[in-house]
Amino acid sequence: MDRVRPPAVAGYFYPGEGARLQREVEGLLQRAQATPDPGVRGLLSPHAGYLYSGKVMAEGFRVLSAWRGRARRVFLLGPSHFVPFLGVAFYPYRAWATPLGEVAVDREGGRRLLEKDPPFLIHEEPFREEHSLEVLLPFLQVALPGTPILPLLFGEVDPQEVAEALQEELGEEDLVVVSSDLSHYRPDPVARARDRKTLEKALALDVEGVAQGEACGRLPWATLTALARSLGWRPALLAYATSAEASGDTGRVVGYAAVVYGQVQP
């Protein structure tokens, strides 16, 4: 198989023209306040349009940029918004394309996960229109150029089971990036209160609490939480915002957070 997964939301969630996209991502990363930290191994990042969540995204990827030229691959975990299924989907594309070029897929690592059988399965349909992983790719391409990805989409699944399987595959030069927004379409004060509770669970490494939280990527996030508990990675909140900060509409907002995991420097 030599297929490349084409972009589905270029020109919608992020600029569709390569030079403009490069400038925008570079600018967001340069303006981020976080410090690159090689002790960080995991990241929770939002996946909304860059107008709304780009500043929060940039904080997390600025930290991961410490791994530039050093990371072996990035496990990219996100929710399937449109196609319901049981398990965790992988599809052996050769690469994923964005306006910045192609990102290679670690098909061999994907094959090893598929050999574990449940909960992993080959399933292309969830990937075709899904934005949760794609939106993060330009940030990876700029912050960690040339780093392959192992993209996984989550249906209904036990996050602890997935974490145990991933830990067997995870090496010391691998990173784990989870894609999730927080609460959706609530008044800004309500969203902030609900997101605060979810983030408290995440920062306490409460796997079940995260799995029951109000976040579209709650199951991949709970998987990262379980990995962090097992591997001794400490979480730290880098940034939080709601869409109201970009749109001015406080009536129906989406929450965004960047949380890093690892041997986080104080």
C-alpha atoms as a PDB file:
ATOM      1  CA  MET A   1       0.000   0.000   0.000  1.00  0.00           C
ATOM      2  CA  ASP A   2       1.323   3.435  -0.978  1.00  0.00           C
ATOM      3  CA  ARG A   3      -1.664   5.614  -0.160  1.00  0.00           C
ATOM      4  CA  VAL A   4      -1.424   9.082   1.358  1.00  0.00           C
ATOM      5  CA  ARG A   5      -4.215  10.439   3.516  1.00  0.00           C
ATOM      6  CA  PRO A   6      -5.179  13.823   1.977  1.00  0.00           C
ATOM      7  CA  PRO A   7      -6.082  16.824   4.134  1.00  0.00           C
ATOM      8  CA  ALA A   8      -9.791  17.084   4.904  1.00  0.00           C
ATOM      9  CA  VAL A   9      -9.997  20.468   6.657  1.00  0.00           C
ATOM     10  CA  ALA A  10      -7.206  22.568   5.105  1.00  0.00           C
ATOM     11  CA  GLY A  11      -8.580  26.018   4.334  1.00  0.00           C
ATOM     12  CA  TYR A  12     -11.195  25.572   7.037  1.00  0.00           C
ATOM     13  CA  PHE A  13      -9.572  24.828  10.393  1.00  0.00           C
ATOM     14  CA  TYR A  14      -6.202  26.180   9.251  1.00  0.00           C
ATOM     15  CA  PRO A  15      -4.808  27.949   6.153  1.00  0.00           C
ATOM     16  CA  GLY A  16      -4.892  25.904   2.985  1.00  0.00           C
ATOM     17  CA  GLU A  17      -1.907  27.595   1.355  1.00  0.00           C
ATOM     18  CA  GLY A  18       1.481  26.286   2.432  1.00  0.00           C
ATOM     19  CA  ALA A  19       3.438  29.527   2.835  1.00  0.00           C
ATOM     20  CA  ARG A  20       0.657  31.194   4.793  1.00  0.00           C
ATOM     21  CA  LEU A  21       0.259  28.133   7.013  1.00  0.00           C
ATOM     22  CA  GLN A  22       4.005  28.035   7.679  1.00  0.00           C
ATOM     23  CA  ARG A  23       4.018  31.713   8.688  1.00  0.00           C
ATOM     24  CA  GLU A  24       1.010  31.319  10.955  1.00  0.00           C
ATOM     25  CA  VAL A  25       2.313  28.273  12.813  1.00  0.00           C
ATOM     26  CA  GLU A  26       5.820  29.702  13.141  1.00  0.00           C
ATOM     27  CA  GLY A  27       4.373  32.948  14.470  1.00  0.00           C
ATOM     28  CA  LEU A  28       2.206  31.186  17.045  1.00  0.00           C
ATOM     29  CA  LEU A  29       5.154  29.100  18.245  1.00  0.00           C
ATOM     30  CA  GLN A  30       7.451  32.130  18.454  1.00  0.00           C
ATOM     31  CA  ARG A  31       4.901  34.052  20.539  1.00  0.00           C
ATOM     32  CA  ALA A  32       4.253  31.139  22.924  1.00  0.00           C
ATOM     33  CA  GLN A  33       5.446  31.731  26.486  1.00  0.00           C
ATOM     34  CA  ALA A  34       6.314  28.121  27.388  1.00  0.00           C
ATOM     35  CA  THR A  35       9.905  26.865  27.479  1.00  0.00           C
ATOM     36  CA  PRO A  36      11.049  23.866  25.409  1.00  0.00           C
ATOM     37  CA  ASP A  37      11.533  20.975  27.833  1.00  0.00           C
ATOM     38  CA  PRO A  38      13.121  17.617  26.930  1.00  0.00           C
ATOM     39  CA  GLY A  39      11.640  16.125  30.102  1.00  0.00           C
ATOM     40  CA  VAL A  40       8.146  16.296  28.614  1.00  0.00           C
ATOM     41  CA  ARG A  41       6.936  13.125  26.905  1.00  0.00           C
ATOM     42  CA  GLY A  42       3.194  13.670  26.603  1.00  0.00           C
ATOM     43  CA  LEU A  43       0.836  16.456  25.595  1.00  0.00           C
ATOM     44  CA  LEU A  44      -2.877  17.188  25.594  1.00  0.00           C
ATOM     45  CA  SER A  45      -3.648  19.693  22.819  1.00  0.00           C
ATOM     46  CA  PRO A  46      -6.884  21.179  21.490  1.00  0.00           C
ATOM     47  CA  HIS A  47      -7.888  20.708  17.873  1.00  0.00           C
ATOM     48  CA  ALA A  48     -10.189  23.602  16.969  1.00  0.00           C
ATOM     49  CA  GLY A  49      -9.570  26.138  14.249  1.00  0.00           C
ATOM     50  CA  TYR A  50      -6.326  28.033  14.766  1.00  0.00           C
ATOM     51  CA  LEU A  51      -8.227  31.312  15.210  1.00  0.00           C
ATOM     52  CA  TYR A  52      -9.763  29.870  18.371  1.00  0.00           C
ATOM     53  CA  SER A  53      -7.263  27.402  19.815  1.00  0.00           C
ATOM     54  CA  GLY A  54      -3.994  28.168  18.029  1.00  0.00           C
ATOM     55  CA  LYS A  55      -2.461  30.075  20.949  1.00  0.00           C
ATOM     56  CA  VAL A  56      -3.153  27.209  23.352  1.00  0.00           C
ATOM     57  CA  MET A  57      -1.889  24.638  20.844  1.00  0.00           C
ATOM     58  CA  ALA A  58       1.323  26.603  20.388  1.00  0.00           C
ATOM     59  CA  GLU A  59       2.158  26.505  24.106  1.00  0.00           C
ATOM     60  CA  GLY A  60       2.207  22.704  24.102  1.00  0.00           C
ATOM     61  CA  PHE A  61       4.106  22.271  20.868  1.00  0.00           C
ATOM     62  CA  ARG A  62       6.642  24.907  21.941  1.00  0.00           C
ATOM     63  CA  VAL A  63       7.482  22.646  24.896  1.00  0.00           C
ATOM     64  CA  LEU A  64       7.752  19.572  22.646  1.00  0.00           C
ATOM     65  CA  SER A  65      10.079  21.434  20.276  1.00  0.00           C
ATOM     66  CA  ALA A  66      12.890  20.437  22.654  1.00  0.00           C
ATOM     67  CA  TRP A  67      12.653  17.035  20.937  1.00  0.00           C
ATOM     68  CA  ARG A  68      13.393  18.471  17.488  1.00  0.00           C
ATOM     69  CA  GLY A  69      15.736  16.062  15.709  1.00  0.00           C
ATOM     70  CA  ARG A  70      15.587  13.642  18.656  1.00  0.00           C
ATOM     71  CA  ALA A  71      12.077  12.167  18.762  1.00  0.00           C
ATOM     72  CA  ARG A  72      11.721   8.755  17.112  1.00  0.00           C
ATOM     73  CA  ARG A  73       7.967   9.097  16.511  1.00  0.00           C
ATOM     74  CA  VAL A  74       4.797  10.626  17.891  1.00  0.00           C
ATOM     75  CA  PHE A  75       1.851   8.512  18.978  1.00  0.00           C
ATOM     76  CA  LEU A  76      -1.059  10.703  17.891  1.00  0.00           C
ATOM     77  CA  LEU A  77      -4.307   9.841  19.704  1.00  0.00           C
ATOM     78  CA  GLY A  78      -7.673  11.444  19.064  1.00  0.00           C
ATOM     79  CA  PRO A  79     -11.416  10.895  19.095  1.00  0.00           C
ATOM     80  CA  SER A  80     -13.551   9.822  16.163  1.00  0.00           C
ATOM     81  CA  HIS A  81     -16.193  12.556  15.970  1.00  0.00           C
ATOM     82  CA  PHE A  82     -18.270  11.194  13.103  1.00  0.00           C
ATOM     83  CA  VAL A  83     -17.928   7.400  12.875  1.00  0.00           C
ATOM     84  CA  PRO A  84     -18.890   5.340  15.948  1.00  0.00           C
ATOM     85  CA  PHE A  85     -17.115   2.026  16.492  1.00  0.00           C
ATOM     86  CA  LEU A  86     -15.653  -0.174  19.205  1.00  0.00           C
ATOM     87  CA  GLY A  87     -11.907  -0.145  19.764  1.00  0.00           C
ATOM     88  CA  VAL A  88      -8.976   1.906  18.448  1.00  0.00           C
ATOM     89  CA  ALA A  89      -8.578   2.374  14.690  1.00  0.00           C
ATOM     90  CA  PHE A  90      -5.361   2.404  12.686  1.00  0.00           C
ATOM     91  CA  TYR A  91      -5.008   2.585   8.917  1.00  0.00           C
ATOM     92  CA  PRO A  92      -1.680   1.950   7.155  1.00  0.00           C
ATOM     93  CA  TYR A  93      -1.393   5.052   5.008  1.00  0.00           C
ATOM     94  CA  ARG A  94       2.177   5.640   3.886  1.00  0.00           C
ATOM     95  CA  ALA A  95       1.863   9.248   4.998  1.00  0.00           C
ATOM     96  CA  TRP A  96      -0.568  12.047   5.844  1.00  0.00           C
ATOM     97  CA  ALA A  97      -0.490  15.184   3.710  1.00  0.00           C
ATOM     98  CA  THR A  98      -0.965  18.817   4.715  1.00  0.00           C
ATOM     99  CA  PRO A  99      -0.190  22.013   2.777  1.00  0.00           C
ATOM    100  CA  LEU A 100       3.287  21.787   4.379  1.00  0.00           C
ATOM    101  CA  GLY A 101       4.015  18.392   2.810  1.00  0.00           C
ATOM    102  CA  GLU A 102       3.820  14.798   3.978  1.00  0.00           C
ATOM    103  CA  VAL A 103       4.219  13.259   7.427  1.00  0.00           C
ATOM    104  CA  ALA A 104       5.397   9.642   7.367  1.00  0.00           C
ATOM    105  CA  VAL A 105       3.365   6.987   9.201  1.00  0.00           C
ATOM    106  CA  ASP A 106       5.053   4.330  11.328  1.00  0.00           C
ATOM    107  CA  ARG A 107       3.266   1.436   9.665  1.00  0.00           C
ATOM    108  CA  GLU A 108       5.469  -1.157  11.335  1.00  0.00           C
ATOM    109  CA  GLY A 109       4.506   0.097  14.779  1.00  0.00           C
ATOM    110  CA  GLY A 110       0.884   0.085  13.695  1.00  0.00           C
ATOM    111  CA  ARG A 111       1.229  -3.491  12.517  1.00  0.00           C
ATOM    112  CA  ARG A 112       2.562  -4.544  15.911  1.00  0.00           C
ATOM    113  CA  LEU A 113      -0.420  -2.936  17.631  1.00  0.00           C
ATOM    114  CA  LEU A 114      -2.825  -4.671  15.243  1.00  0.00           C
ATOM    115  CA  GLU A 115      -1.234  -7.999  16.140  1.00  0.00           C
ATOM    116  CA  LYS A 116      -2.519  -7.459  19.673  1.00  0.00           C
ATOM    117  CA  ASP A 117      -5.984  -7.695  18.076  1.00  0.00           C
ATOM    118  CA  PRO A 118      -8.603  -6.166  20.345  1.00  0.00           C
ATOM    119  CA  PRO A 119      -8.816  -3.304  20.943  1.00  0.00           C
ATOM    120  CA  PHE A 120      -6.857  -2.337  17.784  1.00  0.00           C
ATOM    121  CA  LEU A 121      -8.346  -2.749  14.318  1.00  0.00           C
ATOM    122  CA  ILE A 122      -7.817  -1.633  10.719  1.00  0.00           C
ATOM    123  CA  HIS A 123     -10.623   0.790   9.945  1.00  0.00           C
ATOM    124  CA  GLU A 124     -10.253   3.536   7.351  1.00  0.00           C
ATOM    125  CA  GLU A 125     -13.676   5.174   7.463  1.00  0.00           C
ATOM    126  CA  PRO A 126     -13.131   7.119  10.725  1.00  0.00           C
ATOM    127  CA  PHE A 127     -10.002   8.767   9.290  1.00  0.00           C
ATOM    128  CA  ARG A 128     -11.486  10.109   6.052  1.00  0.00           C
ATOM    129  CA  GLU A 129     -13.187  13.277   7.326  1.00  0.00           C
ATOM    130  CA  GLU A 130     -11.824  13.422  10.870  1.00  0.00           C
ATOM    131  CA  HIS A 131     -10.102  16.652  11.915  1.00  0.00           C
ATOM    132  CA  SER A 132      -8.881  15.813  15.418  1.00  0.00           C
ATOM    133  CA  LEU A 133      -5.481  14.474  14.328  1.00  0.00           C
ATOM    134  CA  GLU A 134      -5.040  16.446  11.113  1.00  0.00           C
ATOM    135  CA  VAL A 135      -5.283  19.845  12.775  1.00  0.00           C
ATOM    136  CA  LEU A 136      -2.257  19.059  14.936  1.00  0.00           C
ATOM    137  CA  LEU A 137      -0.031  17.992  12.055  1.00  0.00           C
ATOM    138  CA  PRO A 138       1.180  21.434  10.886  1.00  0.00           C
ATOM    139  CA  PHE A 139       2.361  22.170  14.434  1.00  0.00           C
ATOM    140  CA  LEU A 140       4.219  18.854  14.463  1.00  0.00           C
ATOM    141  CA  GLN A 141       5.705  19.593  11.053  1.00  0.00           C
ATOM    142  CA  VAL A 142       7.107  22.924  12.225  1.00  0.00           C
ATOM    143  CA  ALA A 143       8.055  21.991  15.809  1.00  0.00           C
ATOM    144  CA  LEU A 144       9.310  18.447  15.068  1.00  0.00           C
ATOM    145  CA  PRO A 145      10.043  18.287  11.341  1.00  0.00           C
ATOM    146  CA  GLY A 146      10.611  14.839   9.889  1.00  0.00           C
ATOM    147  CA  THR A 147       9.176  12.981  12.875  1.00  0.00           C
ATOM    148  CA  PRO A 148       6.904  10.048  11.905  1.00  0.00           C
ATOM    149  CA  ILE A 149       3.478   9.594  13.474  1.00  0.00           C
ATOM    150  CA  LEU A 150       1.507   6.595  14.639  1.00  0.00           C
ATOM    151  CA  PRO A 151      -2.077   7.907  14.293  1.00  0.00           C
ATOM    152  CA  LEU A 152      -4.839   6.217  16.297  1.00  0.00           C
ATOM    153  CA  LEU A 153      -8.526   7.142  16.452  1.00  0.00           C
ATOM    154  CA  PHE A 154     -10.600   6.086  19.439  1.00  0.00           C
ATOM    155  CA  GLY A 155     -14.094   4.680  19.450  1.00  0.00           C
ATOM    156  CA  GLU A 156     -15.597   3.228  22.607  1.00  0.00           C
ATOM    157  CA  VAL A 157     -12.807   1.435  24.453  1.00  0.00           C
ATOM    158  CA  ASP A 158     -11.302   0.857  27.887  1.00  0.00           C
ATOM    159  CA  PRO A 159      -8.507   3.449  28.219  1.00  0.00           C
ATOM    160  CA  GLN A 160      -6.613   1.365  30.763  1.00  0.00           C
ATOM    161  CA  GLU A 161      -6.486  -1.549  28.308  1.00  0.00           C
ATOM    162  CA  VAL A 162      -5.195   0.718  25.552  1.00  0.00           C
ATOM    163  CA  ALA A 163      -2.584   2.255  27.841  1.00  0.00           C
ATOM    164  CA  GLU A 164      -1.219  -1.145  28.799  1.00  0.00           C
ATOM    165  CA  ALA A 165      -0.897  -2.133  25.139  1.00  0.00           C
ATOM    166  CA  LEU A 166       0.727   1.165  24.150  1.00  0.00           C
ATOM    167  CA  GLN A 167       3.206   1.026  27.008  1.00  0.00           C
ATOM    168  CA  GLU A 168       4.637  -2.211  25.581  1.00  0.00           C
ATOM    169  CA  GLU A 169       5.334  -0.376  22.308  1.00  0.00           C
ATOM    170  CA  LEU A 170       6.441   2.960  23.755  1.00  0.00           C
ATOM    171  CA  GLY A 171      10.162   3.679  23.631  1.00  0.00           C
ATOM    172  CA  GLU A 172      12.234   6.291  25.453  1.00  0.00           C
ATOM    173  CA  GLU A 173      12.406   8.512  22.364  1.00  0.00           C
ATOM    174  CA  ASP A 174       8.667   8.325  21.624  1.00  0.00           C
ATOM    175  CA  LEU A 175       6.175  11.078  22.429  1.00  0.00           C
ATOM    176  CA  VAL A 176       2.435  10.804  23.044  1.00  0.00           C
ATOM    177  CA  VAL A 177       0.160  13.615  21.838  1.00  0.00           C
ATOM    178  CA  VAL A 178      -3.566  13.532  22.584  1.00  0.00           C
ATOM    179  CA  SER A 179      -6.044  15.699  20.721  1.00  0.00           C
ATOM    180  CA  SER A 180      -9.089  16.949  22.627  1.00  0.00           C
ATOM    181  CA  ASP A 181     -11.145  20.048  23.256  1.00  0.00           C
ATOM    182  CA  LEU A 182     -12.923  20.427  26.589  1.00  0.00           C
ATOM    183  CA  SER A 183     -16.555  21.438  27.218  1.00  0.00           C
ATOM    184  CA  HIS A 184     -18.702  22.384  24.239  1.00  0.00           C
ATOM    185  CA  TYR A 185     -21.321  25.105  23.663  1.00  0.00           C
ATOM    186  CA  ARG A 186     -21.986  26.235  27.210  1.00  0.00           C
ATOM    187  CA  PRO A 187     -21.999  29.800  28.562  1.00  0.00           C
ATOM    188  CA  ASP A 188     -18.471  30.925  29.309  1.00  0.00           C
ATOM    189  CA  PRO A 189     -18.725  30.868  33.138  1.00  0.00           C
ATOM    190  CA  VAL A 190     -20.307  27.386  33.060  1.00  0.00           C
ATOM    191  CA  ALA A 191     -17.666  26.110  30.646  1.00  0.00           C
ATOM    192  CA  ARG A 192     -14.848  27.410  32.815  1.00  0.00           C
ATOM    193  CA  ALA A 193     -16.276  25.797  35.937  1.00  0.00           C
ATOM    194  CA  ARG A 194     -16.787  22.447  34.219  1.00  0.00           C
ATOM    195  CA  ASP A 195     -13.374  22.542  32.589  1.00  0.00           C
ATOM    196  CA  ARG A 196     -11.778  23.368  35.938  1.00  0.00           C
ATOM    197  CA  LYS A 197     -13.231  20.168  37.387  1.00  0.00           C
ATOM    198  CA  THR A 198     -12.025  18.095  34.425  1.00  0.00           C
ATOM    199  CA  LEU A 199      -8.549  19.592  34.635  1.00  0.00           C
ATOM    200  CA  GLU A 200      -8.411  18.913  38.368  1.00  0.00           C
ATOM    201  CA  LYS A 201      -9.046  15.236  37.600  1.00  0.00           C
ATOM    202  CA  ALA A 202      -6.360  15.276  34.917  1.00  0.00           C
ATOM    203  CA  LEU A 203      -3.777  16.938  37.151  1.00  0.00           C
ATOM    204  CA  ALA A 204      -4.535  14.361  39.858  1.00  0.00           C
ATOM    205  CA  LEU A 205      -3.945  11.572  37.284  1.00  0.00           C
ATOM    206  CA  ASP A 206      -7.487  10.322  37.918  1.00  0.00           C
ATOM    207  CA  VAL A 207      -7.996   7.995  34.937  1.00  0.00           C
ATOM    208  CA  GLU A 208     -11.673   7.323  35.592  1.00  0.00           C
ATOM    209  CA  GLY A 209     -12.345  10.976  36.286  1.00  0.00           C
ATOM    210  CA  VAL A 210     -10.866  12.010  32.948  1.00  0.00           C
ATOM    211  CA  ALA A 211     -12.729   9.200  31.152  1.00  0.00           C
ATOM    212  CA  GLN A 212     -16.010  10.573  32.518  1.00  0.00           C
ATOM    213  CA  GLY A 213     -15.104  14.216  31.937  1.00  0.00           C
ATOM    214  CA  GLU A 214     -16.623  16.663  29.505  1.00  0.00           C
ATOM    215  CA  ALA A 215     -14.154  16.430  26.635  1.00  0.00           C
ATOM    216  CA  CYS A 216     -14.588  15.024  23.139  1.00  0.00           C
ATOM    217  CA  GLY A 217     -11.252  13.213  23.470  1.00  0.00           C
ATOM    218  CA  ARG A 218     -11.895  11.967  27.002  1.00  0.00           C
ATOM    219  CA  LEU A 219     -10.909   8.355  26.184  1.00  0.00           C
ATOM    220  CA  PRO A 220      -7.558   9.080  24.494  1.00  0.00           C
ATOM    221  CA  TRP A 221      -6.895  11.615  27.263  1.00  0.00           C
ATOM    222  CA  ALA A 222      -7.690   8.985  29.892  1.00  0.00           C
ATOM    223  CA  THR A 223      -5.284   6.651  28.079  1.00  0.00           C
ATOM    224  CA  LEU A 224      -2.495   9.233  28.368  1.00  0.00           C
ATOM    225  CA  THR A 225      -3.447   9.700  32.024  1.00  0.00           C
ATOM    226  CA  ALA A 226      -3.082   5.957  32.632  1.00  0.00           C
ATOM    227  CA  LEU A 227       0.275   5.931  30.846  1.00  0.00           C
ATOM    228  CA  ALA A 228       1.444   8.860  32.950  1.00  0.00           C
ATOM    229  CA  ARG A 229       0.444   7.098  36.168  1.00  0.00           C
ATOM    230  CA  SER A 230       2.291   3.957  35.157  1.00  0.00           C
ATOM    231  CA  LEU A 231       5.434   5.698  33.886  1.00  0.00           C
ATOM    232  CA  GLY A 232       5.733   8.338  36.590  1.00  0.00           C
ATOM    233  CA  TRP A 233       5.043  11.296  34.303  1.00  0.00           C
ATOM    234  CA  ARG A 234       3.816  14.357  36.170  1.00  0.00           C
ATOM    235  CA  PRO A 235       1.191  16.625  34.573  1.00  0.00           C
ATOM    236  CA  ALA A 236       1.326  20.416  34.342  1.00  0.00           C
ATOM    237  CA  LEU A 237      -1.247  22.841  32.934  1.00  0.00           C
ATOM    238  CA  LEU A 238       0.373  25.241  30.465  1.00  0.00           C
ATOM    239  CA  ALA A 239      -2.593  27.189  29.143  1.00  0.00           C
ATOM    240  CA  TYR A 240      -6.372  27.381  29.190  1.00  0.00           C
ATOM    241  CA  ALA A 241      -8.801  29.455  27.145  1.00  0.00           C
ATOM    242  CA  THR A 242     -12.293  29.412  25.726  1.00  0.00           C
ATOM    243  CA  SER A 243     -13.407  30.344  22.241  1.00  0.00           C
ATOM    244  CA  ALA A 244     -14.906  33.553  23.668  1.00  0.00           C
ATOM    245  CA  GLU A 245     -11.430  35.030  23.882  1.00  0.00           C
ATOM    246  CA  ALA A 246     -11.231  34.975  20.081  1.00  0.00           C
ATOM    247  CA  SER A 247     -14.863  35.343  19.071  1.00  0.00           C
ATOM    248  CA  GLY A 248     -16.242  37.585  21.813  1.00  0.00           C
ATOM    249  CA  ASP A 249     -19.300  35.313  22.013  1.00  0.00           C
ATOM    250  CA  THR A 250     -19.665  34.242  25.636  1.00  0.00           C
ATOM    251  CA  GLY A 251     -23.011  32.470  25.168  1.00  0.00           C
ATOM    252  CA  ARG A 252     -21.789  29.240  23.570  1.00  0.00           C
ATOM    253  CA  VAL A 253     -18.095  28.504  23.974  1.00  0.00           C
ATOM    254  CA  VAL A 254     -15.643  25.628  23.637  1.00  0.00           C
ATOM    255  CA  GLY A 255     -12.865  25.110  26.174  1.00  0.00           C
ATOM    256  CA  TYR A 256      -9.220  24.491  25.270  1.00  0.00           C
ATOM    257  CA  ALA A 257      -6.265  23.381  27.383  1.00  0.00           C
ATOM    258  CA  ALA A 258      -2.610  22.454  26.916  1.00  0.00           C
ATOM    259  CA  VAL A 259      -1.362  19.953  29.507  1.00  0.00           C
ATOM    260  CA  VAL A 260       2.115  18.432  29.417  1.00  0.00           C
ATOM    261  CA  TYR A 261       3.264  15.176  31.019  1.00  0.00           C
ATOM    262  CA  GLY A 262       6.725  13.996  31.947  1.00  0.00           C
ATOM    263  CA  GLN A 263       9.593  14.937  34.202  1.00  0.00           C
ATOM    264  CA  VAL A 264       8.313  18.484  34.093  1.00  0.00           C
ATOM    265  CA  GLN A 265      10.758  21.171  35.186  1.00  0.00           C
ATOM    266  CA  PRO A 266       9.382  23.352  38.035  1.00  0.00           C
END
